[in-house]
Each structure stands twice: as structure tokens, then as C-alpha cells.
Amino acid sequence: MSDLCRWLHDLLEQLPRFKYPFDPKRLPKNAIYFFYEKGESWGHGGDRPRIVRIGTHREGNFRSRIAEHFLLNEARDELRRRKTAAP
């Protein structure tokens, strides 16, 4: 395993973690974000979460952009539910 990979995971695990649903007012206005996906584990053994998306938002739009990411995921999931429920 890369020492840098372990260093990054060790560092991120010290930061607060937000899970959906969340209060957007608790989020910073600008940020670098790391998304994890439930059930995904990093590739170095053990059960540490795997980073599946990294991004940045500045100019005060972090809260709205993160909310948009989650709304898009909800809309996608709703479409999948409709497709599987259709005869």
C-alpha cells in the first residue's frame, strides 16, 4: 500500500463526516469534498471506506452544489425504482 494513500485516509478520518440527510447550514461555504459510498471498501484490506468522488467548490456555492449532488442522486434512484416497478 502507498504511504500517501494511508496518510490521506488517516487525515480524512479525523475530519467530521456528514451523511445524508444533513443540514446544509452545517456545511462550510467553500470546501474540498470526499464522497464515500456505503458498502465500498478501500483496496488495501480491512473495512476503511473507499473514496469514490473528490471535488471542490468555492465562491460560496459549496452548500448548494452538494445539495444538488444529492438531489440528482435521489432523482436517479427514483427513475430506477419506476423502471423496476413498471410491468
Protein backbone atom coordinates (compact mmCIF):
# COMPACT_ATOMS: atom_id res chain seq x y z
CA MET A 1 0.00 0.00 0.00
CA SER A 2 1.14 3.50 -0.73
CA ASP A 3 2.24 5.55 2.26
CA LEU A 4 0.44 8.52 0.69
CA CYS A 5 -2.82 6.58 0.48
CA ARG A 6 -2.64 5.63 4.16
CA TRP A 7 -1.69 9.22 5.07
CA LEU A 8 -4.72 10.61 3.21
CA HIS A 9 -7.17 8.16 4.80
CA ASP A 10 -5.69 8.77 8.26
CA LEU A 11 -6.07 12.51 7.76
CA LEU A 12 -9.64 12.34 6.42
CA GLU A 13 -10.81 10.09 9.25
CA GLN A 14 -10.02 12.91 11.69
CA LEU A 15 -12.46 15.29 9.97
CA PRO A 16 -16.21 15.49 10.57
CA ARG A 17 -18.26 13.23 8.31
CA PHE A 18 -21.66 14.25 7.01
CA LYS A 19 -24.25 11.70 5.94
CA TYR A 20 -27.47 12.26 4.05
CA PRO A 21 -29.83 13.68 5.17
CA PHE A 22 -27.86 16.62 6.51
CA ASP A 23 -28.45 20.22 7.46
CA PRO A 24 -26.83 22.32 4.69
CA LYS A 25 -26.29 25.15 7.18
CA ARG A 26 -23.72 22.98 8.97
CA LEU A 27 -21.58 22.75 5.83
CA PRO A 28 -18.85 25.27 5.02
CA LYS A 29 -19.40 27.76 2.22
CA ASN A 30 -16.25 26.61 0.38
CA ALA A 31 -14.65 23.18 0.56
CA ILE A 32 -12.84 20.23 -0.88
CA TYR A 33 -15.11 17.21 -0.51
CA PHE A 34 -14.56 13.46 -0.49
CA PHE A 35 -17.51 11.16 -1.13
CA TYR A 36 -17.64 7.63 0.18
CA GLU A 37 -20.19 5.05 -0.93
CA LYS A 38 -21.84 2.69 1.51
CA GLY A 39 -20.53 -0.84 1.07
CA GLU A 40 -17.34 0.25 -0.75
CA SER A 41 -14.02 -0.53 0.97
CA TRP A 42 -10.58 0.68 0.05
CA GLY A 43 -8.39 -1.84 -1.77
CA HIS A 44 -5.81 -2.39 0.96
CA GLY A 45 -7.63 -4.85 3.22
CA GLY A 46 -9.82 -4.06 6.17
CA ASP A 47 -13.05 -2.10 6.11
CA ARG A 48 -11.93 1.50 5.70
CA PRO A 49 -14.24 3.36 3.34
CA ARG A 50 -13.19 3.87 -0.29
CA ILE A 51 -13.16 7.39 -1.70
CA VAL A 52 -15.42 7.38 -4.77
CA ARG A 53 -15.51 11.10 -5.63
CA ILE A 54 -13.41 14.16 -4.87
CA GLY A 55 -14.36 17.70 -5.75
CA THR A 56 -14.05 21.34 -4.84
CA HIS A 57 -16.43 24.25 -4.68
CA ARG A 58 -15.59 27.85 -4.00
CA GLU A 59 -17.12 31.28 -4.32
CA GLY A 60 -19.60 30.38 -1.60
CA ASN A 61 -21.53 27.74 -3.57
CA PHE A 62 -20.47 24.56 -1.77
CA ARG A 63 -23.74 24.10 0.13
CA SER A 64 -25.95 24.44 -2.94
CA ARG A 65 -23.73 22.22 -5.10
CA ILE A 66 -23.62 19.42 -2.53
CA ALA A 67 -27.39 19.62 -2.12
CA GLU A 68 -27.67 19.39 -5.91
CA HIS A 69 -25.48 16.25 -5.97
CA PHE A 70 -27.82 14.58 -3.52
CA LEU A 71 -30.96 15.69 -5.33
CA LEU A 72 -29.57 14.30 -8.58
CA ASN A 73 -28.87 11.01 -6.87
CA GLU A 74 -32.41 10.94 -5.45
CA ALA A 75 -33.88 11.64 -8.90
CA ARG A 76 -31.73 8.87 -10.44
CA ASP A 77 -32.81 6.42 -7.75
CA GLU A 78 -36.47 7.34 -8.28
CA LEU A 79 -36.11 6.63 -12.01
CA ARG A 80 -34.61 3.23 -11.24
CA ARG A 81 -37.48 2.42 -8.86
CA ARG A 82 -40.01 3.37 -11.53
CA LYS A 83 -38.29 1.23 -14.17
CA THR A 84 -38.21 -1.84 -11.94
CA ALA A 85 -41.84 -1.32 -10.86
CA ALA A 86 -43.12 -0.96 -14.45
CA PRO A 87 -44.86 -4.04 -15.92
